[in-house]
Amino acid sequence: MVTFNRLAACGAVLLSAVVCVARPAHAQLEAGIAVGSRAPAVTINDLEGNPVELGKLIGTKPVLLEFWATWCSICKALLPQLNAVHNAYGDRVAIVGINVTVNDSKARVRRYLEEHHPPFRVLYDEKGMGARAYDVPSTSFIVVLDRSGTVAYTGSGESQDLVAAVRKAMGRP
């Protein structure tokens, strides 16, 4: 049974995705979780339905979260940036892709992963826990956390410099 909260969260993300496509993209958003705030330690399932506690990643090393969907053209355009972060920092940063599940089945997500090979661990935010906790305004929303679990960067759109955002979160100029 679909709950009202689930429908409202999905509707908000979908509406935000339409708004995101209709205007120029930029980084350091006014919307979404505030830079400088403590990152929520929510639990979101992976594609197999196993719970993954973000709190176990937060506070151990920098974390880059992308809230994405298979149909999001901006998310696809960010793949080279995500690969650049992975190539520059390897396992010194955790990269997690949180699928917002709007119009995305698990099978569709798996097909996308096979075709595009994103450099992140995939979580499937079926209940909208991550989207609500991080106040996600749209798909392609990026949150970078520093080692202490503080939000160091937020952004949306394809013109983000994710390597620089992670470098800053690592405490490097």
C-alpha atoms as a PDB file:
ATOM      1  CA  MET A   1       0.000   0.000   0.000  1.00  0.00           C
ATOM      2  CA  VAL A   2       1.374   3.423  -0.993  1.00  0.00           C
ATOM      3  CA  THR A   3       1.221   5.958   1.810  1.00  0.00           C
ATOM      4  CA  PHE A   4       0.423   9.644   1.462  1.00  0.00           C
ATOM      5  CA  ASN A   5       3.935  10.561   2.666  1.00  0.00           C
ATOM      6  CA  ARG A   6       5.466   8.366  -0.036  1.00  0.00           C
ATOM      7  CA  LEU A   7       3.278   9.943  -2.723  1.00  0.00           C
ATOM      8  CA  ALA A   8       4.055  13.433  -1.453  1.00  0.00           C
ATOM      9  CA  ALA A   9       7.817  12.747  -1.411  1.00  0.00           C
ATOM     10  CA  CYS A  10       7.718  11.276  -4.920  1.00  0.00           C
ATOM     11  CA  GLY A  11       5.624  14.172  -6.194  1.00  0.00           C
ATOM     12  CA  ALA A  12       7.992  16.722  -4.694  1.00  0.00           C
ATOM     13  CA  VAL A  13      11.046  15.062  -6.247  1.00  0.00           C
ATOM     14  CA  LEU A  14       9.316  14.748  -9.633  1.00  0.00           C
ATOM     15  CA  LEU A  15       8.150  18.368  -9.580  1.00  0.00           C
ATOM     16  CA  SER A  16      11.634  19.477  -8.584  1.00  0.00           C
ATOM     17  CA  ALA A  17      13.125  17.448 -11.428  1.00  0.00           C
ATOM     18  CA  VAL A  18      10.883  19.289 -13.893  1.00  0.00           C
ATOM     19  CA  VAL A  19      11.859  22.638 -12.390  1.00  0.00           C
ATOM     20  CA  CYS A  20      15.539  21.614 -12.465  1.00  0.00           C
ATOM     21  CA  VAL A  21      15.336  20.848 -16.188  1.00  0.00           C
ATOM     22  CA  ALA A  22      13.505  24.110 -16.900  1.00  0.00           C
ATOM     23  CA  ARG A  23      16.107  26.480 -15.425  1.00  0.00           C
ATOM     24  CA  PRO A  24      19.894  26.783 -15.483  1.00  0.00           C
ATOM     25  CA  ALA A  25      21.713  24.495 -13.086  1.00  0.00           C
ATOM     26  CA  HIS A  26      24.030  25.806 -10.397  1.00  0.00           C
ATOM     27  CA  ALA A  27      25.874  24.645  -7.315  1.00  0.00           C
ATOM     28  CA  GLN A  28      25.584  25.578  -3.605  1.00  0.00           C
ATOM     29  CA  LEU A  29      21.815  25.582  -3.524  1.00  0.00           C
ATOM     30  CA  GLU A  30      19.538  27.526  -1.240  1.00  0.00           C
ATOM     31  CA  ALA A  31      17.293  24.428  -1.148  1.00  0.00           C
ATOM     32  CA  GLY A  32      18.176  21.087   0.378  1.00  0.00           C
ATOM     33  CA  ILE A  33      20.081  20.296   3.533  1.00  0.00           C
ATOM     34  CA  ALA A  34      22.103  23.293   4.730  1.00  0.00           C
ATOM     35  CA  VAL A  35      25.857  23.444   4.300  1.00  0.00           C
ATOM     36  CA  GLY A  36      27.407  23.277   7.766  1.00  0.00           C
ATOM     37  CA  SER A  37      24.702  21.047   9.212  1.00  0.00           C
ATOM     38  CA  ARG A  38      25.246  17.556  10.594  1.00  0.00           C
ATOM     39  CA  ALA A  39      24.433  14.805   8.081  1.00  0.00           C
ATOM     40  CA  PRO A  40      21.459  12.599   8.989  1.00  0.00           C
ATOM     41  CA  ALA A  41      22.379   8.957   9.561  1.00  0.00           C
ATOM     42  CA  VAL A  42      19.437   7.324   7.804  1.00  0.00           C
ATOM     43  CA  THR A  43      19.057   3.699   6.766  1.00  0.00           C
ATOM     44  CA  ILE A  44      18.214   3.013   3.112  1.00  0.00           C
ATOM     45  CA  ASN A  45      17.965  -0.375   1.425  1.00  0.00           C
ATOM     46  CA  ASP A  46      20.234  -1.506  -1.382  1.00  0.00           C
ATOM     47  CA  LEU A  47      18.829  -3.112  -4.546  1.00  0.00           C
ATOM     48  CA  GLU A  48      18.612  -6.507  -2.829  1.00  0.00           C
ATOM     49  CA  GLY A  49      16.526  -5.051   0.001  1.00  0.00           C
ATOM     50  CA  ASN A  50      19.342  -5.132   2.567  1.00  0.00           C
ATOM     51  CA  PRO A  51      19.398  -2.134   4.922  1.00  0.00           C
ATOM     52  CA  VAL A  52      22.460   0.111   4.636  1.00  0.00           C
ATOM     53  CA  GLU A  53      23.166   2.470   7.512  1.00  0.00           C
ATOM     54  CA  LEU A  54      24.674   5.684   6.187  1.00  0.00           C
ATOM     55  CA  GLY A  55      25.762   6.408   9.750  1.00  0.00           C
ATOM     56  CA  LYS A  56      28.439   3.726   9.387  1.00  0.00           C
ATOM     57  CA  LEU A  57      30.024   5.713   6.522  1.00  0.00           C
ATOM     58  CA  ILE A  58      29.461   9.175   7.932  1.00  0.00           C
ATOM     59  CA  GLY A  59      32.312  10.377  10.105  1.00  0.00           C
ATOM     60  CA  THR A  60      34.888   7.891   8.814  1.00  0.00           C
ATOM     61  CA  LYS A  61      35.888   9.616   5.565  1.00  0.00           C
ATOM     62  CA  PRO A  62      34.388  12.133   3.144  1.00  0.00           C
ATOM     63  CA  VAL A  63      31.156  10.948   1.542  1.00  0.00           C
ATOM     64  CA  LEU A  64      29.615  12.078  -1.740  1.00  0.00           C
ATOM     65  CA  LEU A  65      25.896  11.383  -2.090  1.00  0.00           C
ATOM     66  CA  GLU A  66      24.062  11.775  -5.379  1.00  0.00           C
ATOM     67  CA  PHE A  67      20.274  11.609  -5.421  1.00  0.00           C
ATOM     68  CA  TRP A  68      19.588  10.341  -8.925  1.00  0.00           C
ATOM     69  CA  ALA A  69      17.246   8.548 -11.316  1.00  0.00           C
ATOM     70  CA  THR A  70      17.851   6.546 -14.495  1.00  0.00           C
ATOM     71  CA  TRP A  71      15.780   8.998 -16.554  1.00  0.00           C
ATOM     72  CA  CYS A  72      17.609  12.106 -15.298  1.00  0.00           C
ATOM     73  CA  SER A  73      19.715  13.527 -18.132  1.00  0.00           C
ATOM     74  CA  ILE A  74      21.634  15.776 -15.729  1.00  0.00           C
ATOM     75  CA  CYS A  75      22.490  12.743 -13.579  1.00  0.00           C
ATOM     76  CA  LYS A  76      23.883  11.004 -16.654  1.00  0.00           C
ATOM     77  CA  ALA A  77      25.857  14.152 -17.528  1.00  0.00           C
ATOM     78  CA  LEU A  78      27.424  14.067 -14.037  1.00  0.00           C
ATOM     79  CA  LEU A  79      28.902  10.576 -14.568  1.00  0.00           C
ATOM     80  CA  PRO A  80      32.260  11.924 -15.858  1.00  0.00           C
ATOM     81  CA  GLN A  81      32.487  14.134 -12.751  1.00  0.00           C
ATOM     82  CA  LEU A  82      31.743  11.167 -10.485  1.00  0.00           C
ATOM     83  CA  ASN A  83      34.352   9.087 -12.316  1.00  0.00           C
ATOM     84  CA  ALA A  84      36.856  11.933 -11.876  1.00  0.00           C
ATOM     85  CA  VAL A  85      36.196  11.925  -8.100  1.00  0.00           C
ATOM     86  CA  HIS A  86      36.665   8.156  -8.028  1.00  0.00           C
ATOM     87  CA  ASN A  87      39.869   8.364 -10.092  1.00  0.00           C
ATOM     88  CA  ALA A  88      41.299  11.182  -7.958  1.00  0.00           C
ATOM     89  CA  TYR A  89      40.443   9.806  -4.514  1.00  0.00           C
ATOM     90  CA  GLY A  90      39.636   6.098  -4.860  1.00  0.00           C
ATOM     91  CA  ASP A  91      38.543   4.534  -1.596  1.00  0.00           C
ATOM     92  CA  ARG A  92      39.509   7.658   0.415  1.00  0.00           C
ATOM     93  CA  VAL A  93      35.994   8.921  -0.337  1.00  0.00           C
ATOM     94  CA  ALA A  94      32.732   6.965  -0.266  1.00  0.00           C
ATOM     95  CA  ILE A  95      30.524   7.627  -3.287  1.00  0.00           C
ATOM     96  CA  VAL A  96      26.890   6.621  -2.836  1.00  0.00           C
ATOM     97  CA  GLY A  97      24.164   6.951  -5.455  1.00  0.00           C
ATOM     98  CA  ILE A  98      20.727   7.113  -3.868  1.00  0.00           C
ATOM     99  CA  ASN A  99      18.091   6.306  -6.468  1.00  0.00           C
ATOM    100  CA  VAL A 100      14.949   8.331  -5.721  1.00  0.00           C
ATOM    101  CA  THR A 101      12.803   5.512  -7.238  1.00  0.00           C
ATOM    102  CA  VAL A 102      10.395   7.854  -9.055  1.00  0.00           C
ATOM    103  CA  ASN A 103       9.474   5.899 -12.217  1.00  0.00           C
ATOM    104  CA  ASP A 104      12.452   3.581 -11.561  1.00  0.00           C
ATOM    105  CA  SER A 105      11.971  -0.106 -10.867  1.00  0.00           C
ATOM    106  CA  LYS A 106      14.797  -2.156  -9.438  1.00  0.00           C
ATOM    107  CA  ALA A 107      15.089  -3.927 -12.817  1.00  0.00           C
ATOM    108  CA  ARG A 108      15.430  -0.598 -14.621  1.00  0.00           C
ATOM    109  CA  VAL A 109      18.107   0.531 -12.167  1.00  0.00           C
ATOM    110  CA  ARG A 110      20.021  -2.729 -12.687  1.00  0.00           C
ATOM    111  CA  ARG A 111      19.907  -2.267 -16.480  1.00  0.00           C
ATOM    112  CA  TYR A 112      21.185   1.288 -16.080  1.00  0.00           C
ATOM    113  CA  LEU A 113      24.066   0.093 -13.901  1.00  0.00           C
ATOM    114  CA  GLU A 114      25.050  -2.549 -16.458  1.00  0.00           C
ATOM    115  CA  GLU A 115      25.046   0.012 -19.256  1.00  0.00           C
ATOM    116  CA  HIS A 116      26.652   3.033 -17.548  1.00  0.00           C
ATOM    117  CA  HIS A 117      28.816   1.567 -14.740  1.00  0.00           C
ATOM    118  CA  PRO A 118      28.577   4.511 -12.312  1.00  0.00           C
ATOM    119  CA  PRO A 119      31.350   4.590  -9.680  1.00  0.00           C
ATOM    120  CA  PHE A 120      29.005   4.540  -6.729  1.00  0.00           C
ATOM    121  CA  ARG A 121      27.310   2.118  -4.401  1.00  0.00           C
ATOM    122  CA  VAL A 122      23.605   2.128  -5.214  1.00  0.00           C
ATOM    123  CA  LEU A 123      20.868   2.530  -2.650  1.00  0.00           C
ATOM    124  CA  TYR A 124      17.179   2.347  -3.573  1.00  0.00           C
ATOM    125  CA  ASP A 125      15.253   4.974  -1.579  1.00  0.00           C
ATOM    126  CA  GLU A 126      11.916   3.191  -1.896  1.00  0.00           C
ATOM    127  CA  LYS A 127      10.480   4.770   1.253  1.00  0.00           C
ATOM    128  CA  GLY A 128      11.856   8.262   0.593  1.00  0.00           C
ATOM    129  CA  MET A 129      13.866   8.246   3.830  1.00  0.00           C
ATOM    130  CA  GLY A 130      16.994   9.745   2.267  1.00  0.00           C
ATOM    131  CA  ALA A 131      15.109  12.276   0.151  1.00  0.00           C
ATOM    132  CA  ARG A 132      13.259  13.558   3.225  1.00  0.00           C
ATOM    133  CA  ALA A 133      16.274  13.506   5.557  1.00  0.00           C
ATOM    134  CA  TYR A 134      18.435  15.475   3.113  1.00  0.00           C
ATOM    135  CA  ASP A 135      15.542  17.713   1.968  1.00  0.00           C
ATOM    136  CA  VAL A 136      16.293  16.774  -1.651  1.00  0.00           C
ATOM    137  CA  PRO A 137      14.997  19.477  -4.022  1.00  0.00           C
ATOM    138  CA  SER A 138      15.576  17.580  -7.288  1.00  0.00           C
ATOM    139  CA  THR A 139      17.399  14.754  -8.963  1.00  0.00           C
ATOM    140  CA  SER A 140      21.108  15.355  -9.606  1.00  0.00           C
ATOM    141  CA  PHE A 141      21.294  16.741  -6.059  1.00  0.00           C
ATOM    142  CA  ILE A 142      24.805  16.258  -4.671  1.00  0.00           C
ATOM    143  CA  VAL A 143      25.749  16.366  -0.995  1.00  0.00           C
ATOM    144  CA  VAL A 144      29.397  16.146   0.046  1.00  0.00           C
ATOM    145  CA  LEU A 145      30.159  15.408   3.688  1.00  0.00           C
ATOM    146  CA  ASP A 146      33.532  15.982   5.322  1.00  0.00           C
ATOM    147  CA  ARG A 147      35.254  13.432   7.569  1.00  0.00           C
ATOM    148  CA  SER A 148      33.333  14.622  10.618  1.00  0.00           C
ATOM    149  CA  GLY A 149      29.934  14.158   8.921  1.00  0.00           C
ATOM    150  CA  THR A 150      29.263  17.844   8.332  1.00  0.00           C
ATOM    151  CA  VAL A 151      27.691  18.932   5.044  1.00  0.00           C
ATOM    152  CA  ALA A 152      30.536  20.644   3.181  1.00  0.00           C
ATOM    153  CA  TYR A 153      28.824  21.121  -0.198  1.00  0.00           C
ATOM    154  CA  THR A 154      25.466  20.844  -1.919  1.00  0.00           C
ATOM    155  CA  GLY A 155      24.697  21.349  -5.561  1.00  0.00           C
ATOM    156  CA  SER A 156      22.514  20.409  -8.469  1.00  0.00           C
ATOM    157  CA  GLY A 157      23.016  20.432 -12.195  1.00  0.00           C
ATOM    158  CA  GLU A 158      25.732  19.378 -14.567  1.00  0.00           C
ATOM    159  CA  SER A 159      28.068  22.360 -14.078  1.00  0.00           C
ATOM    160  CA  GLN A 160      29.360  21.258 -10.666  1.00  0.00           C
ATOM    161  CA  ASP A 161      33.053  20.736  -9.902  1.00  0.00           C
ATOM    162  CA  LEU A 162      32.763  17.624  -7.754  1.00  0.00           C
ATOM    163  CA  VAL A 163      36.519  17.008  -7.533  1.00  0.00           C
ATOM    164  CA  ALA A 164      36.950  20.482  -6.013  1.00  0.00           C
ATOM    165  CA  ALA A 165      34.015  19.899  -3.644  1.00  0.00           C
ATOM    166  CA  VAL A 166      35.537  16.633  -2.383  1.00  0.00           C
ATOM    167  CA  ARG A 167      39.017  18.215  -2.178  1.00  0.00           C
ATOM    168  CA  LYS A 168      37.545  20.931   0.070  1.00  0.00           C
ATOM    169  CA  ALA A 169      35.774  18.310   2.197  1.00  0.00           C
ATOM    170  CA  MET A 170      39.120  16.541   2.619  1.00  0.00           C
ATOM    171  CA  GLY A 171      40.582  19.763   4.011  1.00  0.00           C
ATOM    172  CA  ARG A 172      42.779  20.463   1.000  1.00  0.00           C
ATOM    173  CA  PRO A 173      42.884  23.796  -0.852  1.00  0.00           C
END
